[in-house]
Amino acid sequence: MPTMKAKATSTPASSDARAAMAALAEAQLREAGVRVTQARVNVLGALLETRSAASHQDIQDRFADMDRVTLYRALDCLTEAGLAHKISSDDRIFRYSAGADHAEHGLHDHSHGKQHQHGHFKCTRCNRVFCLDASDGTDFLATVLPVAEGQHSTAAQLQSALRKTLGKGFQSHEVELTIKGWCADCAD
């Protein structure tokens, strides 16, 4: 099984690293056809910098001068554009993570009948959430549940299994896989 990669470190970034993340964020916004605003660049840059998913409050703490509504709108825009994804958790706090979550990673919105479908690891001590992306570019679910003969994708395979288990008429709109345990920092 491929090793899992960390998207970036969770330590504070230098000004050069922050500038590079801001440039990357702006490029991703333009590539996605999203209007570039300073709030969106800041938020996406912050998400690109961090290794674990960030809550609204985490981002609000970092950008104290940004009002809450602007932050919510930026997060919603990034999520809708596929530049970030929203992770629900049993603590009822949504967390956001950046990534190349376009079709190859399965981030799709429900209104278009597609699914966000990669795994997450949640530390039960510090409550940080990490995306499980394989270092070779494949998503974690594909490494755990390889595409079967005759299936076009992991999503199609899961949908087929759902129909076999529950019968016709059931249709999934979201797949969640969360592995819980202790992160490297908490396990020491």
N, C-alpha and C. Protein backbone atom coordinates (compact mmCIF):
# COMPACT_ATOMS: atom_id res chain seq x y z
N MET A 1 0.85 -1.18 0.00
CA MET A 1 0.00 0.00 0.00
C MET A 1 0.89 1.23 0.00
N PRO A 2 0.56 2.28 -0.77
CA PRO A 2 1.39 3.46 -0.83
C PRO A 2 1.40 4.17 0.51
N THR A 3 2.44 4.90 0.78
CA THR A 3 2.49 5.69 2.00
C THR A 3 1.63 6.92 1.82
N MET A 4 1.10 7.43 2.91
CA MET A 4 0.26 8.61 2.84
C MET A 4 1.13 9.85 2.92
N LYS A 5 0.77 10.87 2.17
CA LYS A 5 1.57 12.08 2.14
C LYS A 5 0.94 13.17 3.00
N ALA A 6 1.75 14.00 3.51
CA ALA A 6 1.30 15.20 4.21
C ALA A 6 1.30 16.32 3.19
N LYS A 7 0.24 17.13 3.17
CA LYS A 7 0.15 18.19 2.19
C LYS A 7 1.13 19.32 2.50
N ALA A 8 1.33 19.60 3.74
CA ALA A 8 2.27 20.63 4.15
C ALA A 8 2.48 20.48 5.64
N THR A 9 3.39 21.19 6.19
CA THR A 9 3.60 21.11 7.62
C THR A 9 2.59 21.98 8.34
N SER A 10 2.36 21.69 9.62
CA SER A 10 1.42 22.49 10.38
C SER A 10 2.14 23.58 11.17
N THR A 11 3.43 23.69 11.03
CA THR A 11 4.17 24.75 11.69
C THR A 11 3.98 26.05 10.93
N PRO A 12 4.10 27.17 11.63
CA PRO A 12 3.93 28.45 10.93
C PRO A 12 4.91 28.58 9.78
N ALA A 13 4.42 29.08 8.68
CA ALA A 13 5.24 29.19 7.48
C ALA A 13 6.00 30.51 7.48
N SER A 14 7.15 30.51 6.84
CA SER A 14 7.92 31.74 6.69
C SER A 14 7.19 32.66 5.73
N SER A 15 7.64 33.91 5.66
CA SER A 15 6.97 34.85 4.75
C SER A 15 7.16 34.43 3.30
N ASP A 16 8.31 33.82 2.97
CA ASP A 16 8.52 33.32 1.60
C ASP A 16 7.56 32.19 1.29
N ALA A 17 7.38 31.27 2.24
CA ALA A 17 6.46 30.15 2.04
C ALA A 17 5.03 30.65 1.93
N ARG A 18 4.68 31.63 2.74
CA ARG A 18 3.32 32.20 2.68
C ARG A 18 3.09 32.87 1.34
N ALA A 19 4.09 33.59 0.85
CA ALA A 19 3.96 34.24 -0.46
C ALA A 19 3.79 33.20 -1.56
N ALA A 20 4.53 32.09 -1.45
CA ALA A 20 4.41 31.01 -2.44
C ALA A 20 3.03 30.39 -2.37
N MET A 21 2.49 30.19 -1.17
CA MET A 21 1.15 29.61 -1.02
C MET A 21 0.09 30.57 -1.56
N ALA A 22 0.28 31.87 -1.33
CA ALA A 22 -0.66 32.85 -1.86
C ALA A 22 -0.65 32.84 -3.38
N ALA A 23 0.54 32.73 -3.97
CA ALA A 23 0.64 32.66 -5.43
C ALA A 23 -0.01 31.38 -5.96
N LEU A 24 0.21 30.27 -5.27
CA LEU A 24 -0.42 29.00 -5.66
C LEU A 24 -1.93 29.11 -5.52
N ALA A 25 -2.40 29.70 -4.44
CA ALA A 25 -3.84 29.87 -4.23
C ALA A 25 -4.45 30.71 -5.34
N GLU A 26 -3.80 31.80 -5.69
CA GLU A 26 -4.31 32.67 -6.77
C GLU A 26 -4.35 31.90 -8.09
N ALA A 27 -3.31 31.14 -8.37
CA ALA A 27 -3.28 30.36 -9.62
C ALA A 27 -4.40 29.32 -9.63
N GLN A 28 -4.63 28.67 -8.52
CA GLN A 28 -5.70 27.66 -8.45
C GLN A 28 -7.07 28.31 -8.63
N LEU A 29 -7.28 29.46 -8.04
CA LEU A 29 -8.55 30.18 -8.21
C LEU A 29 -8.78 30.52 -9.68
N ARG A 30 -7.75 31.04 -10.32
CA ARG A 30 -7.87 31.39 -11.75
C ARG A 30 -8.14 30.14 -12.59
N GLU A 31 -7.41 29.07 -12.32
CA GLU A 31 -7.59 27.82 -13.07
C GLU A 31 -9.00 27.26 -12.91
N ALA A 32 -9.58 27.44 -11.73
CA ALA A 32 -10.93 26.96 -11.47
C ALA A 32 -12.00 27.91 -11.99
N GLY A 33 -11.58 29.07 -12.51
CA GLY A 33 -12.54 30.03 -13.04
C GLY A 33 -13.28 30.79 -11.96
N VAL A 34 -12.65 30.93 -10.80
CA VAL A 34 -13.26 31.62 -9.67
C VAL A 34 -12.69 33.02 -9.59
N ARG A 35 -13.56 34.00 -9.33
CA ARG A 35 -13.09 35.37 -9.18
C ARG A 35 -12.09 35.44 -8.02
N VAL A 36 -10.98 36.06 -8.27
CA VAL A 36 -9.91 36.16 -7.28
C VAL A 36 -10.19 37.35 -6.37
N THR A 37 -10.32 37.07 -5.07
CA THR A 37 -10.43 38.13 -4.06
C THR A 37 -9.36 37.87 -3.02
N GLN A 38 -9.02 38.90 -2.27
CA GLN A 38 -7.99 38.75 -1.25
C GLN A 38 -8.42 37.75 -0.19
N ALA A 39 -9.69 37.75 0.18
CA ALA A 39 -10.19 36.81 1.18
C ALA A 39 -10.02 35.37 0.70
N ARG A 40 -10.38 35.10 -0.55
CA ARG A 40 -10.26 33.75 -1.08
C ARG A 40 -8.80 33.32 -1.19
N VAL A 41 -7.94 34.23 -1.61
CA VAL A 41 -6.51 33.92 -1.69
C VAL A 41 -5.97 33.62 -0.29
N ASN A 42 -6.33 34.45 0.69
CA ASN A 42 -5.85 34.24 2.06
C ASN A 42 -6.32 32.90 2.63
N VAL A 43 -7.60 32.61 2.46
CA VAL A 43 -8.16 31.39 3.03
C VAL A 43 -7.60 30.16 2.33
N LEU A 44 -7.57 30.16 1.01
CA LEU A 44 -7.02 29.01 0.29
C LEU A 44 -5.53 28.85 0.60
N GLY A 45 -4.81 29.94 0.66
CA GLY A 45 -3.39 29.88 1.02
C GLY A 45 -3.19 29.26 2.40
N ALA A 46 -4.03 29.65 3.35
CA ALA A 46 -3.94 29.08 4.70
C ALA A 46 -4.24 27.59 4.69
N LEU A 47 -5.24 27.18 3.91
CA LEU A 47 -5.58 25.76 3.83
C LEU A 47 -4.46 24.96 3.15
N LEU A 48 -3.83 25.56 2.16
CA LEU A 48 -2.74 24.88 1.47
C LEU A 48 -1.52 24.70 2.38
N GLU A 49 -1.34 25.63 3.32
CA GLU A 49 -0.19 25.59 4.23
C GLU A 49 -0.29 24.53 5.30
N THR A 50 -1.48 24.19 5.69
CA THR A 50 -1.65 23.36 6.87
C THR A 50 -1.76 21.88 6.53
N ARG A 51 -1.22 21.06 7.39
CA ARG A 51 -1.24 19.62 7.19
C ARG A 51 -2.60 19.02 7.57
N SER A 52 -3.21 19.54 8.62
CA SER A 52 -4.50 19.02 9.05
C SER A 52 -5.60 19.98 8.63
N ALA A 53 -6.82 19.48 8.60
CA ALA A 53 -7.96 20.31 8.22
C ALA A 53 -8.20 21.38 9.29
N ALA A 54 -8.66 22.54 8.86
CA ALA A 54 -8.86 23.67 9.76
C ALA A 54 -10.34 23.98 9.91
N SER A 55 -10.73 24.32 11.12
CA SER A 55 -12.12 24.73 11.37
C SER A 55 -12.27 26.20 11.00
N HIS A 56 -13.51 26.62 10.91
CA HIS A 56 -13.81 28.03 10.66
C HIS A 56 -13.11 28.88 11.72
N GLN A 57 -13.16 28.44 12.96
CA GLN A 57 -12.55 29.20 14.06
C GLN A 57 -11.03 29.27 13.92
N ASP A 58 -10.41 28.17 13.49
CA ASP A 58 -8.96 28.17 13.27
C ASP A 58 -8.57 29.25 12.26
N ILE A 59 -9.34 29.33 11.19
CA ILE A 59 -9.04 30.30 10.14
C ILE A 59 -9.38 31.71 10.62
N GLN A 60 -10.48 31.84 11.36
CA GLN A 60 -10.86 33.14 11.91
C GLN A 60 -9.77 33.67 12.85
N ASP A 61 -9.19 32.78 13.64
CA ASP A 61 -8.11 33.19 14.55
C ASP A 61 -6.90 33.71 13.78
N ARG A 62 -6.64 33.11 12.64
CA ARG A 62 -5.49 33.52 11.83
C ARG A 62 -5.72 34.85 11.14
N PHE A 63 -6.95 35.09 10.71
CA PHE A 63 -7.29 36.34 10.02
C PHE A 63 -8.31 37.10 10.84
N ALA A 64 -7.87 37.61 11.98
CA ALA A 64 -8.77 38.29 12.92
C ALA A 64 -9.47 39.49 12.31
N ASP A 65 -8.87 40.11 11.30
CA ASP A 65 -9.48 41.28 10.68
C ASP A 65 -10.53 40.92 9.62
N MET A 66 -10.66 39.65 9.29
CA MET A 66 -11.66 39.22 8.31
C MET A 66 -12.97 38.92 9.06
N ASP A 67 -14.06 39.51 8.59
CA ASP A 67 -15.32 39.24 9.29
C ASP A 67 -15.81 37.82 8.99
N ARG A 68 -16.63 37.31 9.89
CA ARG A 68 -17.08 35.92 9.83
C ARG A 68 -17.84 35.60 8.56
N VAL A 69 -18.68 36.52 8.11
CA VAL A 69 -19.49 36.28 6.91
C VAL A 69 -18.59 36.16 5.69
N THR A 70 -17.60 37.02 5.57
CA THR A 70 -16.66 36.95 4.45
C THR A 70 -15.93 35.61 4.47
N LEU A 71 -15.53 35.18 5.66
CA LEU A 71 -14.84 33.89 5.79
C LEU A 71 -15.76 32.75 5.38
N TYR A 72 -17.00 32.74 5.86
CA TYR A 72 -17.95 31.69 5.46
C TYR A 72 -18.15 31.68 3.94
N ARG A 73 -18.29 32.86 3.35
CA ARG A 73 -18.50 32.94 1.90
C ARG A 73 -17.28 32.43 1.14
N ALA A 74 -16.08 32.77 1.63
CA ALA A 74 -14.86 32.30 0.98
C ALA A 74 -14.78 30.78 1.07
N LEU A 75 -15.06 30.22 2.24
CA LEU A 75 -15.02 28.76 2.40
C LEU A 75 -16.05 28.08 1.52
N ASP A 76 -17.26 28.63 1.45
CA ASP A 76 -18.30 28.06 0.59
C ASP A 76 -17.88 28.11 -0.87
N CYS A 77 -17.32 29.23 -1.29
CA CYS A 77 -16.87 29.38 -2.68
C CYS A 77 -15.79 28.37 -3.01
N LEU A 78 -14.81 28.23 -2.13
CA LEU A 78 -13.71 27.28 -2.36
C LEU A 78 -14.23 25.85 -2.41
N THR A 79 -15.18 25.54 -1.56
CA THR A 79 -15.77 24.20 -1.54
C THR A 79 -16.53 23.94 -2.83
N GLU A 80 -17.36 24.89 -3.25
CA GLU A 80 -18.13 24.73 -4.48
C GLU A 80 -17.24 24.62 -5.71
N ALA A 81 -16.10 25.29 -5.68
CA ALA A 81 -15.18 25.26 -6.82
C ALA A 81 -14.30 24.01 -6.83
N GLY A 82 -14.36 23.21 -5.77
CA GLY A 82 -13.55 22.00 -5.71
C GLY A 82 -12.11 22.26 -5.29
N LEU A 83 -11.84 23.44 -4.75
CA LEU A 83 -10.50 23.77 -4.30
C LEU A 83 -10.28 23.42 -2.83
N ALA A 84 -11.37 23.16 -2.14
CA ALA A 84 -11.33 22.75 -0.74
C ALA A 84 -12.51 21.82 -0.52
N HIS A 85 -12.45 21.09 0.55
CA HIS A 85 -13.62 20.29 0.89
C HIS A 85 -13.93 20.42 2.36
N LYS A 86 -15.20 20.20 2.66
CA LYS A 86 -15.76 20.36 3.99
C LYS A 86 -15.88 18.98 4.61
N ILE A 87 -15.32 18.83 5.79
CA ILE A 87 -15.30 17.54 6.46
C ILE A 87 -16.18 17.63 7.70
N SER A 88 -17.21 16.80 7.77
CA SER A 88 -18.04 16.77 8.96
C SER A 88 -17.41 15.81 9.96
N SER A 89 -17.65 16.08 11.21
CA SER A 89 -17.04 15.27 12.25
C SER A 89 -18.04 15.03 13.36
N ASP A 90 -17.78 14.03 14.16
CA ASP A 90 -18.70 13.70 15.24
C ASP A 90 -18.73 14.76 16.34
N ASP A 91 -17.82 15.70 16.34
CA ASP A 91 -17.85 16.79 17.32
C ASP A 91 -18.68 17.97 16.81
N ARG A 92 -19.33 17.80 15.66
CA ARG A 92 -20.23 18.79 15.05
C ARG A 92 -19.52 20.06 14.61
N ILE A 93 -18.23 19.96 14.40
CA ILE A 93 -17.46 21.08 13.88
C ILE A 93 -17.01 20.72 12.47
N PHE A 94 -17.36 21.57 11.51
CA PHE A 94 -16.89 21.34 10.15
C PHE A 94 -15.45 21.81 10.05
N ARG A 95 -14.66 21.04 9.33
CA ARG A 95 -13.28 21.40 9.06
C ARG A 95 -13.09 21.44 7.55
N TYR A 96 -12.12 22.21 7.13
CA TYR A 96 -11.88 22.41 5.70
C TYR A 96 -10.44 22.05 5.37
N SER A 97 -10.27 21.46 4.21
CA SER A 97 -8.95 21.09 3.75
C SER A 97 -8.85 21.42 2.27
N ALA A 98 -7.69 21.88 1.87
CA ALA A 98 -7.46 22.21 0.46
C ALA A 98 -6.89 21.00 -0.24
N GLY A 99 -6.94 21.03 -1.52
CA GLY A 99 -6.34 19.95 -2.29
C GLY A 99 -6.86 19.94 -3.69
N ALA A 100 -6.19 19.16 -4.52
CA ALA A 100 -6.61 18.99 -5.91
C ALA A 100 -7.75 18.00 -5.94
N ASP A 101 -8.85 18.37 -5.34
CA ASP A 101 -9.98 17.47 -5.20
C ASP A 101 -10.97 17.63 -6.34
N HIS A 102 -10.47 17.53 -7.54
CA HIS A 102 -11.35 17.57 -8.70
C HIS A 102 -11.80 16.15 -8.97
N ALA A 103 -12.15 15.81 -10.14
CA ALA A 103 -12.72 14.50 -10.46
C ALA A 103 -11.85 13.33 -10.02
N GLU A 104 -10.52 13.47 -10.11
CA GLU A 104 -9.69 12.33 -9.77
C GLU A 104 -9.71 12.01 -8.29
N HIS A 105 -10.05 12.98 -7.45
CA HIS A 105 -10.12 12.71 -6.02
C HIS A 105 -11.55 12.55 -5.54
N GLY A 106 -12.52 12.78 -6.40
CA GLY A 106 -13.90 12.53 -6.03
C GLY A 106 -14.61 13.66 -5.32
N LEU A 107 -14.11 14.87 -5.33
CA LEU A 107 -14.85 15.96 -4.72
C LEU A 107 -15.83 16.49 -5.74
N HIS A 108 -17.07 16.33 -5.43
CA HIS A 108 -18.11 16.80 -6.33
C HIS A 108 -19.27 17.22 -5.45
N ASP A 109 -20.04 18.16 -5.90
CA ASP A 109 -21.16 18.56 -5.07
C ASP A 109 -22.38 17.68 -5.35
N HIS A 110 -23.20 17.58 -4.33
CA HIS A 110 -24.39 16.73 -4.37
C HIS A 110 -25.37 17.16 -5.45
N SER A 111 -25.47 18.44 -5.73
CA SER A 111 -26.44 18.91 -6.72
C SER A 111 -26.14 18.37 -8.11
N HIS A 112 -24.92 17.97 -8.36
CA HIS A 112 -24.59 17.40 -9.66
C HIS A 112 -24.49 15.87 -9.60
N GLY A 113 -24.94 15.28 -8.47
CA GLY A 113 -24.99 13.84 -8.36
C GLY A 113 -23.63 13.18 -8.19
N LYS A 114 -22.64 13.92 -7.77
CA LYS A 114 -21.31 13.37 -7.61
C LYS A 114 -20.93 13.39 -6.14
N GLN A 115 -19.78 12.80 -5.82
CA GLN A 115 -19.45 12.60 -4.42
C GLN A 115 -18.03 12.98 -4.08
N HIS A 116 -17.88 13.49 -2.86
CA HIS A 116 -16.56 13.65 -2.26
C HIS A 116 -16.26 12.31 -1.61
N GLN A 117 -15.16 11.70 -1.98
CA GLN A 117 -14.94 10.35 -1.46
C GLN A 117 -13.47 10.03 -1.25
N HIS A 118 -12.87 10.65 -0.29
CA HIS A 118 -11.59 10.13 0.12
C HIS A 118 -11.58 10.02 1.63
N GLY A 119 -10.65 9.27 2.15
CA GLY A 119 -10.63 8.98 3.57
C GLY A 119 -10.01 10.08 4.40
N HIS A 120 -10.30 10.02 5.68
CA HIS A 120 -9.76 10.96 6.64
C HIS A 120 -9.28 10.20 7.87
N PHE A 121 -8.32 10.76 8.56
CA PHE A 121 -7.86 10.24 9.84
C PHE A 121 -8.15 11.31 10.87
N LYS A 122 -8.85 10.94 11.95
CA LYS A 122 -9.16 11.90 13.01
C LYS A 122 -8.47 11.46 14.28
N CYS A 123 -7.68 12.37 14.85
CA CYS A 123 -7.02 12.09 16.13
C CYS A 123 -8.05 12.29 17.23
N THR A 124 -8.23 11.28 18.07
CA THR A 124 -9.23 11.34 19.14
C THR A 124 -8.71 12.10 20.37
N ARG A 125 -7.44 12.46 20.34
CA ARG A 125 -6.90 13.26 21.45
C ARG A 125 -6.95 14.76 21.15
N CYS A 126 -6.42 15.17 20.00
CA CYS A 126 -6.35 16.61 19.68
C CYS A 126 -7.45 17.05 18.71
N ASN A 127 -8.20 16.12 18.17
CA ASN A 127 -9.32 16.38 17.25
C ASN A 127 -8.90 16.90 15.88
N ARG A 128 -7.60 16.85 15.54
CA ARG A 128 -7.19 17.24 14.20
C ARG A 128 -7.65 16.17 13.21
N VAL A 129 -7.95 16.62 12.00
CA VAL A 129 -8.39 15.73 10.93
C VAL A 129 -7.41 15.86 9.78
N PHE A 130 -6.96 14.72 9.24
CA PHE A 130 -6.00 14.69 8.15
C PHE A 130 -6.63 13.97 6.96
N CYS A 131 -6.43 14.50 5.76
CA CYS A 131 -6.89 13.82 4.56
C CYS A 131 -5.93 12.70 4.24
N LEU A 132 -6.46 11.57 3.81
CA LEU A 132 -5.65 10.42 3.45
C LEU A 132 -5.53 10.39 1.93
N ASP A 133 -4.47 10.97 1.44
CA ASP A 133 -4.17 10.97 0.01
C ASP A 133 -2.91 10.16 -0.19
N ALA A 134 -2.90 9.25 -1.12
CA ALA A 134 -1.73 8.42 -1.37
C ALA A 134 -0.62 9.25 -2.01
N SER A 135 0.61 8.94 -1.68
CA SER A 135 1.75 9.71 -2.17
C SER A 135 1.94 9.58 -3.68
N ASP A 136 1.37 8.54 -4.29
CA ASP A 136 1.54 8.37 -5.74
C ASP A 136 0.42 9.03 -6.54
N GLY A 137 -0.42 9.81 -5.87
CA GLY A 137 -1.47 10.54 -6.56
C GLY A 137 -2.82 9.85 -6.55
N THR A 138 -2.89 8.59 -6.14
CA THR A 138 -4.19 7.92 -6.07
C THR A 138 -4.85 8.23 -4.74
N ASP A 139 -6.17 8.18 -4.72
CA ASP A 139 -6.83 8.47 -3.46
C ASP A 139 -6.86 7.23 -2.57
N PHE A 140 -7.00 7.45 -1.30
CA PHE A 140 -6.92 6.40 -0.29
C PHE A 140 -7.97 5.31 -0.52
N LEU A 141 -9.20 5.70 -0.82
CA LEU A 141 -10.24 4.70 -1.04
C LEU A 141 -9.90 3.77 -2.19
N ALA A 142 -9.28 4.29 -3.22
CA ALA A 142 -8.90 3.46 -4.36
C ALA A 142 -7.84 2.44 -3.97
N THR A 143 -7.00 2.76 -3.00
CA THR A 143 -5.99 1.81 -2.55
C THR A 143 -6.60 0.74 -1.65
N VAL A 144 -7.66 1.11 -0.92
CA VAL A 144 -8.34 0.16 -0.04
C VAL A 144 -9.36 -0.67 -0.81
N LEU A 145 -10.05 -0.02 -1.74
CA LEU A 145 -11.11 -0.65 -2.51
C LEU A 145 -10.82 -0.44 -3.99
N PRO A 146 -9.94 -1.27 -4.56
CA PRO A 146 -9.59 -1.09 -5.97
C PRO A 146 -10.82 -1.22 -6.86
N VAL A 147 -10.80 -0.54 -7.97
CA VAL A 147 -11.91 -0.60 -8.92
C VAL A 147 -12.03 -2.02 -9.45
N ALA A 148 -13.23 -2.54 -9.36
CA ALA A 148 -13.49 -3.93 -9.78
C ALA A 148 -13.73 -4.01 -11.28
N GLU A 149 -13.60 -5.19 -11.80
CA GLU A 149 -13.87 -5.45 -13.22
C GLU A 149 -15.27 -4.97 -13.56
N GLY A 150 -15.38 -4.20 -14.62
CA GLY A 150 -16.68 -3.73 -15.08
C GLY A 150 -17.16 -2.45 -14.40
N GLN A 151 -16.46 -1.98 -13.37
CA GLN A 151 -16.84 -0.75 -12.68
C GLN A 151 -15.97 0.38 -13.20
N HIS A 152 -16.54 1.55 -13.35
CA HIS A 152 -15.79 2.69 -13.88
C HIS A 152 -15.05 3.46 -12.81
N SER A 153 -15.49 3.35 -11.56
CA SER A 153 -14.86 4.12 -10.49
C SER A 153 -15.17 3.48 -9.16
N THR A 154 -14.48 3.94 -8.15
CA THR A 154 -14.77 3.49 -6.80
C THR A 154 -16.20 3.88 -6.43
N ALA A 155 -16.63 5.07 -6.84
CA ALA A 155 -17.99 5.53 -6.55
C ALA A 155 -19.02 4.58 -7.17
N ALA A 156 -18.79 4.16 -8.42
CA ALA A 156 -19.72 3.23 -9.08
C ALA A 156 -19.74 1.90 -8.36
N GLN A 157 -18.58 1.46 -7.89
CA GLN A 157 -18.50 0.20 -7.16
C GLN A 157 -19.26 0.29 -5.84
N LEU A 158 -19.11 1.40 -5.15
CA LEU A 158 -19.83 1.59 -3.89
C LEU A 158 -21.33 1.69 -4.12
N GLN A 159 -21.73 2.38 -5.19
CA GLN A 159 -23.16 2.50 -5.51
C GLN A 159 -23.75 1.13 -5.83
N SER A 160 -23.01 0.31 -6.56
CA SER A 160 -23.46 -1.04 -6.88
C SER A 160 -23.61 -1.88 -5.62
N ALA A 161 -22.64 -1.79 -4.70
CA ALA A 161 -22.71 -2.53 -3.44
C ALA A 161 -23.89 -2.06 -2.60
N LEU A 162 -24.18 -0.77 -2.64
CA LEU A 162 -25.32 -0.22 -1.91
C LEU A 162 -26.63 -0.82 -2.43
N ARG A 163 -26.76 -0.85 -3.75
CA ARG A 163 -27.98 -1.43 -4.35
C ARG A 163 -28.12 -2.90 -4.00
N LYS A 164 -27.00 -3.64 -4.02
CA LYS A 164 -27.04 -5.07 -3.68
C LYS A 164 -27.43 -5.29 -2.23
N THR A 165 -26.98 -4.40 -1.35
CA THR A 165 -27.26 -4.54 0.07
C THR A 165 -28.67 -4.10 0.44
N LEU A 166 -29.10 -2.93 -0.06
CA LEU A 166 -30.37 -2.34 0.35
C LEU A 166 -31.48 -2.48 -0.68
N GLY A 167 -31.14 -2.81 -1.89
CA GLY A 167 -32.14 -2.95 -2.93
C GLY A 167 -32.19 -1.74 -3.83
N LYS A 168 -32.99 -1.85 -4.88
CA LYS A 168 -33.10 -0.76 -5.86
C LYS A 168 -33.72 0.47 -5.21
N GLY A 169 -33.37 1.61 -5.75
CA GLY A 169 -33.95 2.87 -5.29
C GLY A 169 -33.04 3.64 -4.33
N PHE A 170 -32.12 2.95 -3.67
CA PHE A 170 -31.20 3.65 -2.77
C PHE A 170 -30.08 4.26 -3.60
N GLN A 171 -29.74 5.49 -3.27
CA GLN A 171 -28.69 6.17 -4.00
C GLN A 171 -27.87 6.99 -3.01
N SER A 172 -26.58 6.77 -2.98
CA SER A 172 -25.73 7.54 -2.07
C SER A 172 -25.41 8.91 -2.66
N HIS A 173 -25.17 9.86 -1.81
CA HIS A 173 -24.74 11.17 -2.27
C HIS A 173 -23.45 11.60 -1.60
N GLU A 174 -22.97 10.80 -0.66
CA GLU A 174 -21.72 11.12 0.02
C GLU A 174 -21.15 9.84 0.61
N VAL A 175 -19.86 9.69 0.53
CA VAL A 175 -19.17 8.55 1.11
C VAL A 175 -18.20 9.08 2.14
N GLU A 176 -18.26 8.58 3.37
CA GLU A 176 -17.35 9.01 4.41
C GLU A 176 -16.58 7.81 4.93
N LEU A 177 -15.29 7.96 5.01
CA LEU A 177 -14.44 6.97 5.65
C LEU A 177 -13.55 7.74 6.60
N THR A 178 -13.71 7.48 7.88
CA THR A 178 -12.88 8.14 8.88
C THR A 178 -12.24 7.08 9.76
N ILE A 179 -10.94 7.11 9.79
CA ILE A 179 -10.19 6.24 10.67
C ILE A 179 -9.84 7.07 11.90
N LYS A 180 -10.13 6.55 13.07
CA LYS A 180 -9.87 7.28 14.31
C LYS A 180 -8.72 6.63 15.07
N GLY A 181 -7.94 7.45 15.68
CA GLY A 181 -6.81 6.99 16.47
C GLY A 181 -6.04 8.18 16.98
N TRP A 182 -4.75 8.00 17.18
CA TRP A 182 -3.90 9.08 17.66
C TRP A 182 -2.93 9.49 16.58
N CYS A 183 -2.79 10.79 16.39
CA CYS A 183 -1.82 11.28 15.40
C CYS A 183 -0.41 11.09 15.96
N ALA A 184 0.58 11.33 15.13
CA ALA A 184 1.96 11.14 15.53
C ALA A 184 2.33 12.00 16.73
N ASP A 185 1.81 13.24 16.78
CA ASP A 185 2.12 14.12 17.91
C ASP A 185 1.52 13.62 19.21
N CYS A 186 0.32 13.08 19.16
CA CYS A 186 -0.37 12.63 20.37
C CYS A 186 0.04 11.22 20.81
N ALA A 187 0.53 10.42 19.89
CA ALA A 187 0.89 9.04 20.21
C ALA A 187 2.18 8.95 21.02
N ASP A 188 2.99 10.03 20.98
CA ASP A 188 4.28 10.00 21.71
C ASP A 188 4.09 10.01 23.20
